[in-house]
Amino acid sequence: MATQFIGQLLVSLDNTLKVKDKSDVKEQGKKWAVVAIRIIDKYKYFKVSDLVYVFNKISDGEIKIYGALNRQDIMGALHEHDKLRSMR
């Protein structure tokens, strides 16, 4: 259930961004399912609000994405958020 929800957030983010190299529809589901599982694995203590916050920062352009949105961009943004979160 969480994997599906996070996957939907990722697909929505990918569709929202005006990046040069968009994923095609068939590949989006597979690509983001793997990333969703990795997010749950690494950041199981995150709340939904943490994920939405980071994804909104990406969507608003506060976190720059060059080329296609990818796993490294997402995991890097979540890592930075985790560091800031632990400093509070």
PDB file of N, CA and C in Angstrom:
ATOM      1  N   MET A   1       0.824  -1.192   0.000  1.00  0.00           N
ATOM      2  CA  MET A   1       0.000   0.000   0.000  1.00  0.00           C
ATOM      3  C   MET A   1       0.869   1.259   0.000  1.00  0.00           C
ATOM      4  N   ALA A   2       1.858   1.317   0.891  1.00  0.00           N
ATOM      5  CA  ALA A   2       2.749   2.476   0.939  1.00  0.00           C
ATOM      6  C   ALA A   2       3.548   2.593  -0.352  1.00  0.00           C
ATOM      7  N   THR A   3       3.986   1.454  -0.880  1.00  0.00           N
ATOM      8  CA  THR A   3       4.749   1.459  -2.124  1.00  0.00           C
ATOM      9  C   THR A   3       3.931   2.065  -3.252  1.00  0.00           C
ATOM     10  N   GLN A   4       2.670   1.677  -3.329  1.00  0.00           N
ATOM     11  CA  GLN A   4       1.796   2.197  -4.382  1.00  0.00           C
ATOM     12  C   GLN A   4       1.596   3.708  -4.218  1.00  0.00           C
ATOM     13  N   PHE A   5       1.381   4.159  -2.990  1.00  0.00           N
ATOM     14  CA  PHE A   5       1.176   5.577  -2.727  1.00  0.00           C
ATOM     15  C   PHE A   5       2.412   6.390  -3.113  1.00  0.00           C
ATOM     16  N   ILE A   6       3.589   5.933  -2.673  1.00  0.00           N
ATOM     17  CA  ILE A   6       4.823   6.646  -3.000  1.00  0.00           C
ATOM     18  C   ILE A   6       5.074   6.602  -4.500  1.00  0.00           C
ATOM     19  N   GLY A   7       4.796   5.469  -5.123  1.00  0.00           N
ATOM     20  CA  GLY A   7       4.929   5.357  -6.575  1.00  0.00           C
ATOM     21  C   GLY A   7       4.043   6.364  -7.297  1.00  0.00           C
ATOM     22  N   GLN A   8       2.821   6.543  -6.816  1.00  0.00           N
ATOM     23  CA  GLN A   8       1.913   7.515  -7.424  1.00  0.00           C
ATOM     24  C   GLN A   8       2.425   8.946  -7.241  1.00  0.00           C
ATOM     25  N   LEU A   9       2.993   9.224  -6.063  1.00  0.00           N
ATOM     26  CA  LEU A   9       3.596  10.544  -5.850  1.00  0.00           C
ATOM     27  C   LEU A   9       4.738  10.787  -6.837  1.00  0.00           C
ATOM     28  N   LEU A  10       5.556   9.763  -7.052  1.00  0.00           N
ATOM     29  CA  LEU A  10       6.685   9.886  -7.968  1.00  0.00           C
ATOM     30  C   LEU A  10       6.238  10.071  -9.413  1.00  0.00           C
ATOM     31  N   VAL A  11       5.231   9.316  -9.824  1.00  0.00           N
ATOM     32  CA  VAL A  11       4.702   9.460 -11.187  1.00  0.00           C
ATOM     33  C   VAL A  11       4.133  10.864 -11.370  1.00  0.00           C
ATOM     34  N   SER A  12       3.397  11.327 -10.370  1.00  0.00           N
ATOM     35  CA  SER A  12       2.824  12.675 -10.428  1.00  0.00           C
ATOM     36  C   SER A  12       3.924  13.728 -10.523  1.00  0.00           C
ATOM     37  N   LEU A  13       4.975  13.573  -9.728  1.00  0.00           N
ATOM     38  CA  LEU A  13       6.096  14.505  -9.777  1.00  0.00           C
ATOM     39  C   LEU A  13       6.760  14.475 -11.145  1.00  0.00           C
ATOM     40  N   ASP A  14       6.992  13.295 -11.675  1.00  0.00           N
ATOM     41  CA  ASP A  14       7.615  13.136 -12.985  1.00  0.00           C
ATOM     42  C   ASP A  14       6.768  13.808 -14.063  1.00  0.00           C
ATOM     43  N   ASN A  15       5.445  13.664 -13.967  1.00  0.00           N
ATOM     44  CA  ASN A  15       4.549  14.262 -14.956  1.00  0.00           C
ATOM     45  C   ASN A  15       4.463  15.780 -14.820  1.00  0.00           C
ATOM     46  N   THR A  16       4.638  16.280 -13.598  1.00  0.00           N
ATOM     47  CA  THR A  16       4.534  17.707 -13.333  1.00  0.00           C
ATOM     48  C   THR A  16       5.739  18.484 -13.828  1.00  0.00           C
ATOM     49  N   LEU A  17       6.902  17.885 -13.697  1.00  0.00           N
ATOM     50  CA  LEU A  17       8.132  18.584 -14.052  1.00  0.00           C
ATOM     51  C   LEU A  17       8.242  18.788 -15.554  1.00  0.00           C
ATOM     52  N   LYS A  18       8.834  19.881 -15.906  1.00  0.00           N
ATOM     53  CA  LYS A  18       9.091  20.179 -17.311  1.00  0.00           C
ATOM     54  C   LYS A  18      10.544  19.826 -17.621  1.00  0.00           C
ATOM     55  N   VAL A  19      10.858  18.548 -17.515  1.00  0.00           N
ATOM     56  CA  VAL A  19      12.226  18.114 -17.782  1.00  0.00           C
ATOM     57  C   VAL A  19      12.366  17.709 -19.240  1.00  0.00           C
ATOM     58  N   LYS A  20      13.591  17.738 -19.693  1.00  0.00           N
ATOM     59  CA  LYS A  20      13.870  17.466 -21.095  1.00  0.00           C
ATOM     60  C   LYS A  20      13.578  16.019 -21.486  1.00  0.00           C
ATOM     61  N   ASP A  21      14.006  15.078 -20.686  1.00  0.00           N
ATOM     62  CA  ASP A  21      13.891  13.658 -21.018  1.00  0.00           C
ATOM     63  C   ASP A  21      12.844  12.986 -20.138  1.00  0.00           C
ATOM     64  N   LYS A  22      11.588  13.010 -20.543  1.00  0.00           N
ATOM     65  CA  LYS A  22      10.517  12.378 -19.763  1.00  0.00           C
ATOM     66  C   LYS A  22      10.546  10.862 -19.952  1.00  0.00           C
ATOM     67  N   SER A  23      10.142  10.147 -18.920  1.00  0.00           N
ATOM     68  CA  SER A  23       9.984   8.697 -19.016  1.00  0.00           C
ATOM     69  C   SER A  23       8.725   8.404 -19.824  1.00  0.00           C
ATOM     70  N   ASP A  24       8.740   7.328 -20.602  1.00  0.00           N
ATOM     71  CA  ASP A  24       7.497   6.968 -21.281  1.00  0.00           C
ATOM     72  C   ASP A  24       6.575   6.274 -20.275  1.00  0.00           C
ATOM     73  N   VAL A  25       5.298   6.236 -20.574  1.00  0.00           N
ATOM     74  CA  VAL A  25       4.268   5.779 -19.638  1.00  0.00           C
ATOM     75  C   VAL A  25       4.521   4.355 -19.156  1.00  0.00           C
ATOM     76  N   LYS A  26       4.912   3.456 -20.054  1.00  0.00           N
ATOM     77  CA  LYS A  26       5.123   2.049 -19.678  1.00  0.00           C
ATOM     78  C   LYS A  26       6.264   1.903 -18.676  1.00  0.00           C
ATOM     79  N   GLU A  27       7.301   2.672 -18.874  1.00  0.00           N
ATOM     80  CA  GLU A  27       8.476   2.559 -18.017  1.00  0.00           C
ATOM     81  C   GLU A  27       8.300   3.264 -16.682  1.00  0.00           C
ATOM     82  N   GLN A  28       7.418   4.258 -16.633  1.00  0.00           N
ATOM     83  CA  GLN A  28       7.225   5.019 -15.401  1.00  0.00           C
ATOM     84  C   GLN A  28       6.864   4.135 -14.217  1.00  0.00           C
ATOM     85  N   GLY A  29       5.876   3.270 -14.404  1.00  0.00           N
ATOM     86  CA  GLY A  29       5.427   2.416 -13.306  1.00  0.00           C
ATOM     87  C   GLY A  29       6.528   1.543 -12.757  1.00  0.00           C
ATOM     88  N   LYS A  30       7.277   0.889 -13.641  1.00  0.00           N
ATOM     89  CA  LYS A  30       8.374   0.012 -13.219  1.00  0.00           C
ATOM     90  C   LYS A  30       9.478   0.805 -12.533  1.00  0.00           C
ATOM     91  N   LYS A  31       9.854   1.890 -13.161  1.00  0.00           N
ATOM     92  CA  LYS A  31      10.939   2.723 -12.655  1.00  0.00           C
ATOM     93  C   LYS A  31      10.631   3.238 -11.249  1.00  0.00           C
ATOM     94  N   TRP A  32       9.448   3.776 -11.077  1.00  0.00           N
ATOM     95  CA  TRP A  32       9.113   4.397  -9.796  1.00  0.00           C
ATOM     96  C   TRP A  32       8.761   3.374  -8.718  1.00  0.00           C
ATOM     97  N   ALA A  33       8.334   2.191  -9.091  1.00  0.00           N
ATOM     98  CA  ALA A  33       8.075   1.144  -8.095  1.00  0.00           C
ATOM     99  C   ALA A  33       9.371   0.762  -7.396  1.00  0.00           C
ATOM    100  N   VAL A  34      10.450   0.643  -8.147  1.00  0.00           N
ATOM    101  CA  VAL A  34      11.755   0.310  -7.577  1.00  0.00           C
ATOM    102  C   VAL A  34      12.220   1.427  -6.643  1.00  0.00           C
ATOM    103  N   VAL A  35      12.033   2.669  -7.057  1.00  0.00           N
ATOM    104  CA  VAL A  35      12.439   3.810  -6.232  1.00  0.00           C
ATOM    105  C   VAL A  35      11.581   3.869  -4.962  1.00  0.00           C
ATOM    106  N   ALA A  36      10.295   3.608  -5.087  1.00  0.00           N
ATOM    107  CA  ALA A  36       9.396   3.621  -3.919  1.00  0.00           C
ATOM    108  C   ALA A  36       9.831   2.582  -2.895  1.00  0.00           C
ATOM    109  N   ILE A  37      10.192   1.398  -3.351  1.00  0.00           N
ATOM    110  CA  ILE A  37      10.664   0.348  -2.445  1.00  0.00           C
ATOM    111  C   ILE A  37      11.954   0.784  -1.757  1.00  0.00           C
ATOM    112  N   ARG A  38      12.831   1.401  -2.495  1.00  0.00           N
ATOM    113  CA  ARG A  38      14.106   1.876  -1.933  1.00  0.00           C
ATOM    114  C   ARG A  38      13.866   2.970  -0.893  1.00  0.00           C
ATOM    115  N   ILE A  39      12.934   3.869  -1.171  1.00  0.00           N
ATOM    116  CA  ILE A  39      12.597   4.930  -0.214  1.00  0.00           C
ATOM    117  C   ILE A  39      12.074   4.320   1.082  1.00  0.00           C
ATOM    118  N   ILE A  40      11.171   3.377   0.966  1.00  0.00           N
ATOM    119  CA  ILE A  40      10.608   2.727   2.155  1.00  0.00           C
ATOM    120  C   ILE A  40      11.705   1.997   2.924  1.00  0.00           C
ATOM    121  N   ASP A  41      12.584   1.339   2.198  1.00  0.00           N
ATOM    122  CA  ASP A  41      13.689   0.607   2.807  1.00  0.00           C
ATOM    123  C   ASP A  41      14.614   1.525   3.604  1.00  0.00           C
ATOM    124  N   LYS A  42      14.986   2.631   3.004  1.00  0.00           N
ATOM    125  CA  LYS A  42      15.986   3.515   3.608  1.00  0.00           C
ATOM    126  C   LYS A  42      15.386   4.524   4.580  1.00  0.00           C
ATOM    127  N   TYR A  43      14.186   5.008   4.287  1.00  0.00           N
ATOM    128  CA  TYR A  43      13.590   6.078   5.096  1.00  0.00           C
ATOM    129  C   TYR A  43      12.255   5.641   5.693  1.00  0.00           C
ATOM    130  N   LYS A  44      12.205   4.474   6.269  1.00  0.00           N
ATOM    131  CA  LYS A  44      10.950   3.931   6.816  1.00  0.00           C
ATOM    132  C   LYS A  44      10.381   4.787   7.940  1.00  0.00           C
ATOM    133  N   TYR A  45      11.204   5.605   8.560  1.00  0.00           N
ATOM    134  CA  TYR A  45      10.766   6.476   9.646  1.00  0.00           C
ATOM    135  C   TYR A  45      10.194   7.816   9.153  1.00  0.00           C
ATOM    136  N   PHE A  46      10.289   8.090   7.841  1.00  0.00           N
ATOM    137  CA  PHE A  46       9.712   9.322   7.306  1.00  0.00           C
ATOM    138  C   PHE A  46       8.191   9.262   7.383  1.00  0.00           C
ATOM    139  N   LYS A  47       7.606  10.422   7.598  1.00  0.00           N
ATOM    140  CA  LYS A  47       6.159  10.556   7.529  1.00  0.00           C
ATOM    141  C   LYS A  47       5.796  10.937   6.102  1.00  0.00           C
ATOM    142  N   VAL A  48       4.526  10.767   5.770  1.00  0.00           N
ATOM    143  CA  VAL A  48       4.054  11.171   4.446  1.00  0.00           C
ATOM    144  C   VAL A  48       4.372  12.647   4.214  1.00  0.00           C
ATOM    145  N   SER A  49       4.240  13.457   5.256  1.00  0.00           N
ATOM    146  CA  SER A  49       4.508  14.895   5.127  1.00  0.00           C
ATOM    147  C   SER A  49       5.958  15.169   4.734  1.00  0.00           C
ATOM    148  N   ASP A  50       6.902  14.329   5.169  1.00  0.00           N
ATOM    149  CA  ASP A  50       8.298  14.491   4.756  1.00  0.00           C
ATOM    150  C   ASP A  50       8.443  14.297   3.255  1.00  0.00           C
ATOM    151  N   LEU A  51       7.829  13.240   2.751  1.00  0.00           N
ATOM    152  CA  LEU A  51       7.917  12.947   1.317  1.00  0.00           C
ATOM    153  C   LEU A  51       7.250  14.042   0.492  1.00  0.00           C
ATOM    154  N   VAL A  52       6.060  14.440   0.910  1.00  0.00           N
ATOM    155  CA  VAL A  52       5.334  15.484   0.181  1.00  0.00           C
ATOM    156  C   VAL A  52       6.137  16.784   0.197  1.00  0.00           C
ATOM    157  N   TYR A  53       6.734  17.106   1.324  1.00  0.00           N
ATOM    158  CA  TYR A  53       7.550  18.320   1.449  1.00  0.00           C
ATOM    159  C   TYR A  53       8.703  18.306   0.441  1.00  0.00           C
ATOM    160  N   VAL A  54       9.454  17.217   0.399  1.00  0.00           N
ATOM    161  CA  VAL A  54      10.599  17.120  -0.507  1.00  0.00           C
ATOM    162  C   VAL A  54      10.135  17.132  -1.963  1.00  0.00           C
ATOM    163  N   PHE A  55       9.080  16.377  -2.281  1.00  0.00           N
ATOM    164  CA  PHE A  55       8.592  16.337  -3.655  1.00  0.00           C
ATOM    165  C   PHE A  55       8.064  17.705  -4.087  1.00  0.00           C
ATOM    166  N   ASN A  56       7.450  18.450  -3.169  1.00  0.00           N
ATOM    167  CA  ASN A  56       6.984  19.801  -3.493  1.00  0.00           C
ATOM    168  C   ASN A  56       8.156  20.738  -3.744  1.00  0.00           C
ATOM    169  N   LYS A  57       9.237  20.588  -2.981  1.00  0.00           N
ATOM    170  CA  LYS A  57      10.433  21.408  -3.202  1.00  0.00           C
ATOM    171  C   LYS A  57      11.016  21.137  -4.592  1.00  0.00           C
ATOM    172  N   ILE A  58      11.005  19.878  -5.005  1.00  0.00           N
ATOM    173  CA  ILE A  58      11.478  19.538  -6.345  1.00  0.00           C
ATOM    174  C   ILE A  58      10.543  20.148  -7.380  1.00  0.00           C
ATOM    175  N   SER A  59       9.248  19.970  -7.177  1.00  0.00           N
ATOM    176  CA  SER A  59       8.238  20.470  -8.112  1.00  0.00           C
ATOM    177  C   SER A  59       8.288  21.994  -8.234  1.00  0.00           C
ATOM    178  N   ASP A  60       8.559  22.683  -7.122  1.00  0.00           N
ATOM    179  CA  ASP A  60       8.611  24.144  -7.115  1.00  0.00           C
ATOM    180  C   ASP A  60       9.931  24.694  -7.635  1.00  0.00           C
ATOM    181  N   GLY A  61      10.880  23.820  -7.928  1.00  0.00           N
ATOM    182  CA  GLY A  61      12.156  24.255  -8.473  1.00  0.00           C
ATOM    183  C   GLY A  61      13.180  24.636  -7.421  1.00  0.00           C
ATOM    184  N   GLU A  62      12.872  24.414  -6.167  1.00  0.00           N
ATOM    185  CA  GLU A  62      13.823  24.728  -5.097  1.00  0.00           C
ATOM    186  C   GLU A  62      14.963  23.713  -5.069  1.00  0.00           C
ATOM    187  N   ILE A  63      14.698  22.534  -5.587  1.00  0.00           N
ATOM    188  CA  ILE A  63      15.728  21.521  -5.795  1.00  0.00           C
ATOM    189  C   ILE A  63      15.802  21.325  -7.302  1.00  0.00           C
ATOM    190  N   LYS A  64      16.939  21.646  -7.875  1.00  0.00           N
ATOM    191  CA  LYS A  64      17.097  21.630  -9.328  1.00  0.00           C
ATOM    192  C   LYS A  64      17.267  20.209  -9.869  1.00  0.00           C
ATOM    193  N   ILE A  65      16.576  19.947 -10.973  1.00  0.00           N
ATOM    194  CA  ILE A  65      16.674  18.673 -11.685  1.00  0.00           C
ATOM    195  C   ILE A  65      17.122  18.992 -13.107  1.00  0.00           C
ATOM    196  N   TYR A  66      18.175  18.349 -13.549  1.00  0.00           N
ATOM    197  CA  TYR A  66      18.677  18.552 -14.904  1.00  0.00           C
ATOM    198  C   TYR A  66      18.507  17.254 -15.674  1.00  0.00           C
ATOM    199  N   GLY A  67      17.884  17.321 -16.835  1.00  0.00           N
ATOM    200  CA  GLY A  67      17.593  16.113 -17.612  1.00  0.00           C
ATOM    201  C   GLY A  67      16.366  15.435 -17.055  1.00  0.00           C
ATOM    202  N   ALA A  68      16.394  14.126 -16.987  1.00  0.00           N
ATOM    203  CA  ALA A  68      15.241  13.359 -16.506  1.00  0.00           C
ATOM    204  C   ALA A  68      15.292  13.210 -14.988  1.00  0.00           C
ATOM    205  N   LEU A  69      14.135  13.207 -14.369  1.00  0.00           N
ATOM    206  CA  LEU A  69      14.038  12.909 -12.949  1.00  0.00           C
ATOM    207  C   LEU A  69      14.458  11.457 -12.758  1.00  0.00           C
ATOM    208  N   ASN A  70      15.359  11.199 -11.818  1.00  0.00           N
ATOM    209  CA  ASN A  70      15.831   9.830 -11.640  1.00  0.00           C
ATOM    210  C   ASN A  70      15.986   9.492 -10.167  1.00  0.00           C
ATOM    211  N   ARG A  71      16.325   8.252  -9.931  1.00  0.00           N
ATOM    212  CA  ARG A  71      16.461   7.745  -8.562  1.00  0.00           C
ATOM    213  C   ARG A  71      17.495   8.537  -7.773  1.00  0.00           C
ATOM    214  N   GLN A  72      18.618   8.868  -8.392  1.00  0.00           N
ATOM    215  CA  GLN A  72      19.673   9.587  -7.691  1.00  0.00           C
ATOM    216  C   GLN A  72      19.193  10.967  -7.244  1.00  0.00           C
ATOM    217  N   ASP A  73      18.426  11.652  -8.084  1.00  0.00           N
ATOM    218  CA  ASP A  73      17.882  12.957  -7.711  1.00  0.00           C
ATOM    219  C   ASP A  73      16.967  12.839  -6.498  1.00  0.00           C
ATOM    220  N   ILE A  74      16.066  11.870  -6.547  1.00  0.00           N
ATOM    221  CA  ILE A  74      15.100  11.676  -5.458  1.00  0.00           C
ATOM    222  C   ILE A  74      15.819  11.292  -4.171  1.00  0.00           C
ATOM    223  N   MET A  75      16.702  10.305  -4.240  1.00  0.00           N
ATOM    224  CA  MET A  75      17.386   9.833  -3.038  1.00  0.00           C
ATOM    225  C   MET A  75      18.312  10.914  -2.479  1.00  0.00           C
ATOM    226  N   GLY A  76      18.927  11.698  -3.348  1.00  0.00           N
ATOM    227  CA  GLY A  76      19.774  12.802  -2.895  1.00  0.00           C
ATOM    228  C   GLY A  76      18.965  13.862  -2.161  1.00  0.00           C
ATOM    229  N   ALA A  77      17.802  14.206  -2.706  1.00  0.00           N
ATOM    230  CA  ALA A  77      16.933  15.197  -2.060  1.00  0.00           C
ATOM    231  C   ALA A  77      16.435  14.684  -0.708  1.00  0.00           C
ATOM    232  N   LEU A  78      16.079  13.407  -0.645  1.00  0.00           N
ATOM    233  CA  LEU A  78      15.625  12.826   0.620  1.00  0.00           C
ATOM    234  C   LEU A  78      16.759  12.762   1.637  1.00  0.00           C
ATOM    235  N   HIS A  79      17.950  12.485   1.172  1.00  0.00           N
ATOM    236  CA  HIS A  79      19.121  12.447   2.062  1.00  0.00           C
ATOM    237  C   HIS A  79      19.370  13.825   2.675  1.00  0.00           C
ATOM    238  N   GLU A  80      19.327  14.862   1.844  1.00  0.00           N
ATOM    239  CA  GLU A  80      19.517  16.230   2.338  1.00  0.00           C
ATOM    240  C   GLU A  80      18.431  16.601   3.344  1.00  0.00           C
ATOM    241  N   HIS A  81      17.197  16.223   3.048  1.00  0.00           N
ATOM    242  CA  HIS A  81      16.101  16.500   3.970  1.00  0.00           C
ATOM    243  C   HIS A  81      16.320  15.762   5.292  1.00  0.00           C
ATOM    244  N   ASP A  82      16.790  14.534   5.215  1.00  0.00           N
ATOM    245  CA  ASP A  82      17.043  13.741   6.417  1.00  0.00           C
ATOM    246  C   ASP A  82      18.111  14.413   7.283  1.00  0.00           C
ATOM    247  N   LYS A  83      19.168  14.933   6.659  1.00  0.00           N
ATOM    248  CA  LYS A  83      20.215  15.617   7.412  1.00  0.00           C
ATOM    249  C   LYS A  83      19.657  16.863   8.104  1.00  0.00           C
ATOM    250  N   LEU A  84      18.881  17.651   7.377  1.00  0.00           N
ATOM    251  CA  LEU A  84      18.286  18.860   7.966  1.00  0.00           C
ATOM    252  C   LEU A  84      17.301  18.503   9.072  1.00  0.00           C
ATOM    253  N   ARG A  85      16.550  17.460   8.839  1.00  0.00           N
ATOM    254  CA  ARG A  85      15.548  17.004   9.812  1.00  0.00           C
ATOM    255  C   ARG A  85      16.196  16.567  11.122  1.00  0.00           C
ATOM    256  N   SER A  86      17.341  15.907  11.023  1.00  0.00           N
ATOM    257  CA  SER A  86      18.013  15.414  12.229  1.00  0.00           C
ATOM    258  C   SER A  86      18.711  16.537  12.997  1.00  0.00           C
ATOM    259  N   MET A  87      18.941  17.665  12.337  1.00  0.00           N
ATOM    260  CA  MET A  87      19.582  18.806  12.996  1.00  0.00           C
ATOM    261  C   MET A  87      18.589  19.579  13.875  1.00  0.00           C
ATOM    262  N   ARG A  88      17.303  19.388  13.635  1.00  0.00           N
ATOM    263  CA  ARG A  88      16.281  20.148  14.391  1.00  0.00           C
ATOM    264  C   ARG A  88      16.160  19.670  15.783  1.00  0.00           C
TER     265      ARG A  88
END
